[in-house]
Amino acid sequence: MVAAAGVAVSAASGCSLLDTEFSVGDCVSVKSGFTNDGIEKADCSDGGSVDRFSGDGFYRVVSVEDYLSNCNRGQMEFNHEPHDKTYCLSSLSAR
């Protein structure tokens, strides 16, 4: 699934169930894949670029919601099934 600002991204697999859940204020990197998408912790100073086509890049978690919830307009929704959460993300370049 192609990721872009304001578009939901589903991650059904690809992350271990032991992965740390993310909190508001955490910086994460998002990478789209052919069969799944990935999200992992990142250093906030790693950058702020986001690929406009794929949505890959660096984001800050602005809210953590129940799985398959909607985020505010302009935020990227990352539906993470292993955590049973939806992470609402804002591009680091939009600070």
C-alpha atoms as a PDB file:
ATOM      1  CA  MET A   1       0.000   0.000   0.000  1.00  0.00           C
ATOM      2  CA  VAL A   2       1.384   3.419  -0.869  1.00  0.00           C
ATOM      3  CA  ALA A   3       1.862   5.720   2.099  1.00  0.00           C
ATOM      4  CA  ALA A   4       1.304   9.448   1.884  1.00  0.00           C
ATOM      5  CA  ALA A   5       0.286  12.206   4.269  1.00  0.00           C
ATOM      6  CA  GLY A   6      -3.313  11.715   5.244  1.00  0.00           C
ATOM      7  CA  VAL A   7      -3.430   8.146   3.910  1.00  0.00           C
ATOM      8  CA  ALA A   8      -3.701   5.091   6.135  1.00  0.00           C
ATOM      9  CA  VAL A   9      -0.895   2.562   6.036  1.00  0.00           C
ATOM     10  CA  SER A  10      -1.473  -0.934   7.370  1.00  0.00           C
ATOM     11  CA  ALA A  11       1.276  -3.050   8.861  1.00  0.00           C
ATOM     12  CA  ALA A  12      -0.026  -6.551   9.329  1.00  0.00           C
ATOM     13  CA  SER A  13       3.374  -8.185   9.648  1.00  0.00           C
ATOM     14  CA  GLY A  14       7.055  -7.462   9.388  1.00  0.00           C
ATOM     15  CA  CYS A  15       7.514  -6.363  12.985  1.00  0.00           C
ATOM     16  CA  SER A  16       8.162  -8.626  15.895  1.00  0.00           C
ATOM     17  CA  LEU A  17       5.501  -8.857  18.571  1.00  0.00           C
ATOM     18  CA  LEU A  18       8.281  -7.886  20.976  1.00  0.00           C
ATOM     19  CA  ASP A  19       8.729  -4.511  19.257  1.00  0.00           C
ATOM     20  CA  THR A  20       8.480  -1.539  21.558  1.00  0.00           C
ATOM     21  CA  GLU A  21       5.278   0.433  21.203  1.00  0.00           C
ATOM     22  CA  PHE A  22       5.631   4.093  20.319  1.00  0.00           C
ATOM     23  CA  SER A  23       4.587   7.082  22.425  1.00  0.00           C
ATOM     24  CA  VAL A  24       3.572  10.655  21.646  1.00  0.00           C
ATOM     25  CA  GLY A  25       6.711  12.635  20.827  1.00  0.00           C
ATOM     26  CA  ASP A  26       8.730   9.643  19.599  1.00  0.00           C
ATOM     27  CA  CYS A  27      10.431   9.971  16.247  1.00  0.00           C
ATOM     28  CA  VAL A  28       9.958   7.098  13.825  1.00  0.00           C
ATOM     29  CA  SER A  29      10.983   6.136  10.334  1.00  0.00           C
ATOM     30  CA  VAL A  30       8.422   4.641   7.984  1.00  0.00           C
ATOM     31  CA  LYS A  31       9.318   2.417   5.069  1.00  0.00           C
ATOM     32  CA  SER A  32       6.764   0.957   2.698  1.00  0.00           C
ATOM     33  CA  GLY A  33       7.201  -2.561   1.443  1.00  0.00           C
ATOM     34  CA  PHE A  34       5.677  -4.775  -1.197  1.00  0.00           C
ATOM     35  CA  THR A  35       3.901  -7.074   1.273  1.00  0.00           C
ATOM     36  CA  ASN A  36       4.009  -4.971   4.444  1.00  0.00           C
ATOM     37  CA  ASP A  37       5.109  -1.631   5.794  1.00  0.00           C
ATOM     38  CA  GLY A  38       7.586  -0.983   8.564  1.00  0.00           C
ATOM     39  CA  ILE A  39       7.849   1.504  11.377  1.00  0.00           C
ATOM     40  CA  GLU A  40      10.762   1.801  13.789  1.00  0.00           C
ATOM     41  CA  LYS A  41      12.178   4.254  16.287  1.00  0.00           C
ATOM     42  CA  ALA A  42      14.457   6.902  14.853  1.00  0.00           C
ATOM     43  CA  ASP A  43      16.646   9.693  16.138  1.00  0.00           C
ATOM     44  CA  CYS A  44      14.789  13.006  15.795  1.00  0.00           C
ATOM     45  CA  SER A  45      17.904  14.545  14.268  1.00  0.00           C
ATOM     46  CA  ASP A  46      18.007  11.938  11.449  1.00  0.00           C
ATOM     47  CA  GLY A  47      16.245  14.275   9.084  1.00  0.00           C
ATOM     48  CA  GLY A  48      12.927  15.527   7.979  1.00  0.00           C
ATOM     49  CA  SER A  49      12.530  14.365   4.440  1.00  0.00           C
ATOM     50  CA  VAL A  50       9.480  12.397   3.327  1.00  0.00           C
ATOM     51  CA  ASP A  51       9.152  10.847  -0.116  1.00  0.00           C
ATOM     52  CA  ARG A  52       5.981  12.375  -1.579  1.00  0.00           C
ATOM     53  CA  PHE A  53       5.114   9.245  -3.561  1.00  0.00           C
ATOM     54  CA  SER A  54       5.746   6.438  -1.064  1.00  0.00           C
ATOM     55  CA  GLY A  55       5.446   8.320   2.240  1.00  0.00           C
ATOM     56  CA  ASP A  56       8.764   6.823   3.362  1.00  0.00           C
ATOM     57  CA  GLY A  57      10.639   9.095   5.730  1.00  0.00           C
ATOM     58  CA  PHE A  58      10.879  10.457   9.246  1.00  0.00           C
ATOM     59  CA  TYR A  59       7.913  11.401  11.400  1.00  0.00           C
ATOM     60  CA  ARG A  60       6.978  12.365  14.958  1.00  0.00           C
ATOM     61  CA  VAL A  61       4.161  10.493  16.720  1.00  0.00           C
ATOM     62  CA  VAL A  62       1.507  13.113  17.551  1.00  0.00           C
ATOM     63  CA  SER A  63      -1.124  10.732  18.949  1.00  0.00           C
ATOM     64  CA  VAL A  64      -1.718   7.057  19.617  1.00  0.00           C
ATOM     65  CA  GLU A  65      -5.247   5.817  18.936  1.00  0.00           C
ATOM     66  CA  ASP A  66      -7.197   2.560  18.919  1.00  0.00           C
ATOM     67  CA  TYR A  67      -6.497   0.333  15.916  1.00  0.00           C
ATOM     68  CA  LEU A  68      -8.078   1.585  12.662  1.00  0.00           C
ATOM     69  CA  SER A  69      -8.968   4.989  14.154  1.00  0.00           C
ATOM     70  CA  ASN A  70      -8.806   8.134  12.034  1.00  0.00           C
ATOM     71  CA  CYS A  71      -6.171  10.798  12.521  1.00  0.00           C
ATOM     72  CA  ASN A  72      -6.567  14.533  12.017  1.00  0.00           C
ATOM     73  CA  ARG A  73      -6.394  15.836   8.466  1.00  0.00           C
ATOM     74  CA  GLY A  74      -2.824  16.253   7.250  1.00  0.00           C
ATOM     75  CA  GLN A  75      -1.471  13.548   9.533  1.00  0.00           C
ATOM     76  CA  MET A  76      -0.359  10.167   8.298  1.00  0.00           C
ATOM     77  CA  GLU A  77      -2.191   7.190   9.792  1.00  0.00           C
ATOM     78  CA  PHE A  78      -0.037   4.147  10.443  1.00  0.00           C
ATOM     79  CA  ASN A  79      -2.227   1.202  11.446  1.00  0.00           C
ATOM     80  CA  HIS A  80       0.046  -1.203  13.309  1.00  0.00           C
ATOM     81  CA  GLU A  81      -1.689  -4.522  13.853  1.00  0.00           C
ATOM     82  CA  PRO A  82       0.930  -6.148  16.117  1.00  0.00           C
ATOM     83  CA  HIS A  83       0.536  -3.225  18.575  1.00  0.00           C
ATOM     84  CA  ASP A  84      -3.233  -2.993  17.940  1.00  0.00           C
ATOM     85  CA  LYS A  85      -2.746   0.786  17.577  1.00  0.00           C
ATOM     86  CA  THR A  86      -3.043   3.537  15.023  1.00  0.00           C
ATOM     87  CA  TYR A  87      -0.133   5.959  15.166  1.00  0.00           C
ATOM     88  CA  CYS A  88      -0.911   9.475  13.942  1.00  0.00           C
ATOM     89  CA  LEU A  89       2.253  10.925  12.465  1.00  0.00           C
ATOM     90  CA  SER A  90       3.473  14.360  11.455  1.00  0.00           C
ATOM     91  CA  SER A  91       6.415  14.866   9.131  1.00  0.00           C
ATOM     92  CA  LEU A  92       9.527  16.128  10.898  1.00  0.00           C
ATOM     93  CA  SER A  93       9.944  18.609   8.048  1.00  0.00           C
ATOM     94  CA  ALA A  94       6.567  20.154   9.034  1.00  0.00           C
ATOM     95  CA  ARG A  95       7.844  21.277  12.456  1.00  0.00           C
END
